[in-house]
Amino acid sequence: MSQSSTTTTREIPKEIERFNVTFRIQHIIMFTTFLLLSFTGWGLKYAYAPGGVSSWWIRVWGGPETAGIIHRVAGVTMLLDFVWHVIYLFYLFGTKRMTINLKTTVIPLPKDVFDVIKNYLYFFGLSKEKARYGKYSYAQKFDYWAVFWGMFIIGFSGFALAFPMLVSHIIPQFATAWIWQLLSIMHSDEALLAIVFILFWHFYNEHLKPENFPMSWLWITGKISTDTLKHHHPIEYEMLFPDANKNKD
């Protein structure tokens, strides 16, 4: 998925816009609510444990009842933000402000599988070349689509646990004896997976790598330098600036 960009043949700018202000606002809401859900959720999981860190941590959030309210408000806000993102994508496609281009799409392609193989060959010294990426690497695509999976698991289970009376109308009678325990386990375990994934995958790849440390400013400015683009996303760079190599020659 890529927003239409104007190709320049005269001068290569120092920066280009990668994400517009709408995408940046959606990202800020997403990670803010994610942090609130993480902090309050794990406190609530062990809120009534006798003493210890969990007891102290839940008091930071005003006790179980207050933390529960914060958790539910953050959860509903995150779901609404996700719905807004999906509707916005349909709007961009409907108005042709965004089109599917194989060089810039975030949709997984067979090339991504070959990129994974090529990178592992490079890491093990069996190849002299790394994979060349378009707008998104396979790691970034995995990062993006993981949110959709997480929203389905965490979002549905969390909504069901927050509003059991409403959801009970759609639960089959034969499942009432075990469905709530299952939803609780799904919500808790998927939340743990999401927290670990964000800390060790997303934070490292986007912020803690040496070239980005201590933080990438992309999520604030929405812009990426053309030098970084050329190094990390050479296929997109060549698409945006097809005359760059000619001018260099």
Protein backbone atom coordinates (compact mmCIF):
# COMPACT_ATOMS: atom_id res chain seq x y z
CA MET A 1 0.00 0.00 0.00
CA SER A 2 1.57 3.30 -0.94
CA GLN A 3 0.43 6.86 -1.14
CA SER A 4 1.03 8.54 -4.44
CA SER A 5 4.36 10.40 -4.56
CA THR A 6 5.72 12.92 -7.05
CA THR A 7 8.87 11.71 -8.74
CA THR A 8 11.52 14.38 -9.17
CA THR A 9 14.15 14.25 -11.86
CA ARG A 10 15.90 17.54 -11.07
CA GLU A 11 16.89 17.43 -7.43
CA ILE A 12 16.64 14.72 -4.81
CA PRO A 13 15.19 16.13 -1.56
CA LYS A 14 16.85 15.48 1.77
CA GLU A 15 13.64 14.01 3.18
CA ILE A 16 10.36 12.58 1.94
CA GLU A 17 7.08 12.10 3.75
CA ARG A 18 6.53 8.44 4.55
CA PHE A 19 3.45 8.69 6.78
CA ASN A 20 0.95 11.55 6.74
CA VAL A 21 -0.45 13.20 9.86
CA THR A 22 -3.51 10.90 9.98
CA PHE A 23 -1.36 7.77 10.11
CA ARG A 24 0.84 9.38 12.76
CA ILE A 25 -2.12 10.26 14.97
CA GLN A 26 -3.48 6.73 14.61
CA HIS A 27 -0.08 5.34 15.64
CA ILE A 28 0.15 7.64 18.67
CA ILE A 29 -3.32 6.60 19.87
CA MET A 30 -2.45 2.96 19.27
CA PHE A 31 0.78 2.91 21.28
CA THR A 32 -0.59 5.15 24.05
CA THR A 33 -3.57 2.88 24.64
CA PHE A 34 -1.32 -0.17 24.30
CA LEU A 35 0.93 1.10 27.11
CA LEU A 36 -2.07 1.89 29.33
CA LEU A 37 -3.52 -1.56 28.68
CA SER A 38 -0.19 -3.24 29.41
CA PHE A 39 0.42 -1.37 32.66
CA THR A 40 -3.10 -1.74 34.03
CA GLY A 41 -3.77 -5.21 32.59
CA TRP A 42 -0.96 -7.01 34.34
CA GLY A 43 -1.72 -5.16 37.53
CA LEU A 44 -5.33 -6.32 37.30
CA LYS A 45 -4.31 -9.91 36.59
CA TYR A 46 -2.70 -10.14 40.03
CA ALA A 47 -4.60 -7.32 41.72
CA TYR A 48 -5.70 -9.38 44.71
CA ALA A 49 -2.47 -11.30 45.22
CA PRO A 50 -1.36 -10.94 48.87
CA GLY A 51 1.41 -8.31 48.94
CA GLY A 52 4.37 -8.11 46.60
CA VAL A 53 5.02 -6.04 43.49
CA SER A 54 1.58 -6.64 41.98
CA SER A 55 -0.16 -5.25 45.05
CA TRP A 56 2.04 -2.13 44.99
CA TRP A 57 1.67 -1.68 41.22
CA ILE A 58 -2.13 -1.82 41.23
CA ARG A 59 -2.22 0.88 43.91
CA VAL A 60 -0.28 3.16 41.55
CA TRP A 61 -3.33 3.07 39.28
CA GLY A 62 -5.78 3.85 42.08
CA GLY A 63 -6.68 0.28 43.00
CA PRO A 64 -8.42 -2.49 41.03
CA GLU A 65 -11.65 -0.58 40.34
CA THR A 66 -9.96 2.56 38.99
CA ALA A 67 -7.42 0.51 37.04
CA GLY A 68 -10.30 -1.51 35.57
CA ILE A 69 -12.01 1.66 34.33
CA ILE A 70 -8.77 2.92 32.77
CA HIS A 71 -8.23 -0.48 31.17
CA ARG A 72 -11.70 -0.60 29.63
CA VAL A 73 -11.57 2.99 28.33
CA ALA A 74 -8.14 2.37 26.79
CA GLY A 75 -9.35 -0.89 25.25
CA VAL A 76 -12.41 0.66 23.63
CA THR A 77 -10.28 3.59 22.39
CA MET A 78 -7.78 1.20 20.83
CA LEU A 79 -10.55 -0.73 19.06
CA LEU A 80 -12.05 2.51 17.72
CA ASP A 81 -8.61 3.62 16.55
CA PHE A 82 -8.16 0.32 14.72
CA VAL A 83 -11.57 0.66 13.06
CA TRP A 84 -10.69 4.23 12.07
CA HIS A 85 -7.45 2.98 10.50
CA VAL A 86 -9.25 0.33 8.42
CA ILE A 87 -11.95 2.78 7.28
CA TYR A 88 -9.26 5.32 6.39
CA LEU A 89 -7.48 2.73 4.24
CA PHE A 90 -10.71 2.04 2.35
CA TYR A 91 -11.14 5.81 1.91
CA LEU A 92 -7.64 6.16 0.45
CA PHE A 93 -8.23 3.27 -1.93
CA GLY A 94 -11.70 4.56 -2.88
CA THR A 95 -10.34 8.01 -3.73
CA LYS A 96 -7.28 6.50 -5.46
CA ARG A 97 -4.95 8.36 -3.12
CA MET A 98 -3.48 4.96 -2.35
CA THR A 99 -2.91 2.17 -4.85
CA ILE A 100 -1.40 -1.29 -4.68
CA ASN A 101 2.11 -1.36 -6.08
CA LEU A 102 4.20 -4.51 -5.71
CA LYS A 103 7.25 -2.39 -4.85
CA THR A 104 5.60 -0.46 -2.06
CA THR A 105 2.74 -2.59 -0.74
CA VAL A 106 2.57 -3.78 2.85
CA ILE A 107 0.77 -6.90 1.68
CA PRO A 108 2.97 -10.03 2.10
CA LEU A 109 4.29 -11.34 -1.22
CA PRO A 110 6.33 -14.38 -2.34
CA LYS A 111 9.32 -12.02 -2.58
CA ASP A 112 9.24 -11.65 1.20
CA VAL A 113 9.86 -15.38 1.62
CA PHE A 114 12.85 -15.18 -0.70
CA ASP A 115 14.06 -12.09 1.18
CA VAL A 116 14.04 -14.05 4.44
CA ILE A 117 16.04 -16.86 2.84
CA LYS A 118 18.47 -14.43 1.23
CA ASN A 119 19.06 -12.60 4.51
CA TYR A 120 19.74 -15.82 6.41
CA LEU A 121 22.21 -16.86 3.71
CA TYR A 122 23.90 -13.48 4.15
CA PHE A 123 23.96 -13.75 7.95
CA PHE A 124 25.57 -17.18 7.76
CA GLY A 125 28.15 -15.98 5.25
CA LEU A 126 26.71 -18.00 2.37
CA SER A 127 25.79 -14.95 0.30
CA LYS A 128 27.51 -11.61 -0.27
CA GLU A 129 24.30 -9.66 -0.72
CA LYS A 130 21.46 -8.80 1.63
CA ALA A 131 17.85 -8.70 0.52
CA ARG A 132 16.74 -5.48 -1.17
CA TYR A 133 13.45 -4.03 0.07
CA GLY A 134 10.72 -1.86 -1.32
CA LYS A 135 8.79 0.44 1.01
CA TYR A 136 8.48 -2.29 3.64
CA SER A 137 10.77 -5.14 4.62
CA TYR A 138 9.35 -8.53 5.58
CA ALA A 139 9.99 -7.63 9.23
CA GLN A 140 7.92 -4.45 8.93
CA LYS A 141 5.12 -6.30 7.16
CA PHE A 142 5.05 -8.90 9.93
CA ASP A 143 5.02 -6.06 12.46
CA TYR A 144 2.04 -4.42 10.76
CA TRP A 145 -0.13 -7.49 10.24
CA ALA A 146 0.53 -8.77 13.76
CA VAL A 147 -1.70 -5.93 14.94
CA PHE A 148 -4.63 -7.31 12.95
CA TRP A 149 -4.19 -10.75 14.50
CA GLY A 150 -3.83 -9.23 17.96
CA MET A 151 -6.90 -7.07 17.53
CA PHE A 152 -8.99 -10.10 16.62
CA ILE A 153 -7.83 -12.16 19.63
CA ILE A 154 -7.30 -9.50 22.29
CA GLY A 155 -10.01 -7.17 21.01
CA PHE A 156 -12.84 -9.71 20.90
CA SER A 157 -11.90 -11.46 24.13
CA GLY A 158 -11.39 -8.15 25.93
CA PHE A 159 -14.71 -6.77 24.71
CA ALA A 160 -16.46 -9.96 25.82
CA LEU A 161 -14.89 -9.82 29.28
CA ALA A 162 -15.65 -6.10 29.66
CA PHE A 163 -19.28 -6.42 28.53
CA PRO A 164 -20.31 -10.01 29.39
CA MET A 165 -24.05 -9.35 29.45
CA LEU A 166 -23.98 -7.93 25.93
CA VAL A 167 -21.81 -10.69 24.50
CA SER A 168 -23.72 -13.46 26.30
CA HIS A 169 -26.56 -13.04 23.80
CA ILE A 170 -24.38 -14.36 20.97
CA ILE A 171 -22.68 -17.20 22.87
CA PRO A 172 -24.17 -20.65 22.17
CA GLN A 173 -25.74 -22.40 25.13
CA PHE A 174 -23.36 -25.37 24.93
CA ALA A 175 -20.34 -23.07 25.41
CA THR A 176 -21.47 -21.19 28.51
CA ALA A 177 -19.71 -23.59 30.89
CA TRP A 178 -16.22 -22.97 29.52
CA ILE A 179 -16.23 -19.98 27.15
CA TRP A 180 -15.46 -17.35 29.80
CA GLN A 181 -12.42 -19.21 31.09
CA LEU A 182 -11.23 -19.64 27.52
CA LEU A 183 -11.70 -15.95 26.73
CA SER A 184 -9.79 -15.00 29.87
CA ILE A 185 -6.86 -17.23 28.93
CA MET A 186 -6.88 -15.96 25.33
CA HIS A 187 -6.88 -12.35 26.49
CA SER A 188 -4.13 -12.80 29.06
CA ASP A 189 -1.78 -14.98 27.01
CA GLU A 190 -2.14 -12.99 23.79
CA ALA A 191 -1.54 -9.79 25.76
CA LEU A 192 1.71 -11.25 27.12
CA LEU A 193 2.74 -12.24 23.60
CA ALA A 194 1.96 -8.72 22.33
CA ILE A 195 3.98 -7.07 25.10
CA VAL A 196 7.01 -9.31 24.48
CA PHE A 197 6.70 -8.80 20.72
CA ILE A 198 6.56 -5.00 21.00
CA LEU A 199 9.48 -4.82 23.44
CA PHE A 200 11.85 -7.21 21.71
CA TRP A 201 10.84 -6.89 18.05
CA HIS A 202 9.23 -3.55 17.32
CA PHE A 203 11.25 -1.40 19.73
CA TYR A 204 14.55 -2.88 18.62
CA ASN A 205 13.89 -2.79 14.87
CA GLU A 206 12.43 0.71 14.84
CA HIS A 207 14.21 2.49 17.69
CA LEU A 208 17.06 0.64 19.38
CA LYS A 209 19.17 -0.33 16.39
CA PRO A 210 22.48 1.60 16.38
CA GLU A 211 21.45 3.78 13.42
CA ASN A 212 18.19 4.76 15.16
CA PHE A 213 19.19 4.83 18.83
CA PRO A 214 17.83 6.22 21.07
CA MET A 215 14.74 6.72 18.91
CA SER A 216 13.55 7.05 15.35
CA TRP A 217 11.76 10.36 14.77
CA LEU A 218 9.68 8.92 11.94
CA TRP A 219 6.63 8.39 14.16
CA ILE A 220 6.63 12.12 15.02
CA THR A 221 7.69 13.83 11.79
CA GLY A 222 6.46 11.20 9.36
CA LYS A 223 9.57 11.85 7.28
CA ILE A 224 12.54 9.74 6.31
CA SER A 225 15.83 10.97 4.90
CA THR A 226 16.56 9.96 1.34
CA ASP A 227 19.93 8.60 2.47
CA THR A 228 18.16 6.24 4.88
CA LEU A 229 15.62 5.40 2.19
CA LYS A 230 18.38 4.55 -0.28
CA HIS A 231 20.17 2.35 2.25
CA HIS A 232 17.20 0.48 3.77
CA HIS A 233 14.62 0.63 0.97
CA PRO A 234 16.61 0.77 -2.29
CA ILE A 235 13.77 -0.52 -4.50
CA GLU A 236 11.46 2.28 -3.35
CA TYR A 237 14.28 4.80 -3.75
CA GLU A 238 14.90 3.73 -7.33
CA MET A 239 11.18 3.91 -8.06
CA LEU A 240 10.87 7.44 -6.66
CA PHE A 241 14.10 8.72 -8.20
CA PRO A 242 14.68 6.71 -11.38
CA ASP A 243 17.16 9.24 -12.78
CA ALA A 244 19.36 9.27 -9.68
CA ASN A 245 21.88 6.76 -11.03
CA LYS A 246 21.86 8.43 -14.45
CA ASN A 247 22.65 11.81 -12.91
CA LYS A 248 25.38 10.21 -10.85
CA ASP A 249 26.95 8.82 -14.00
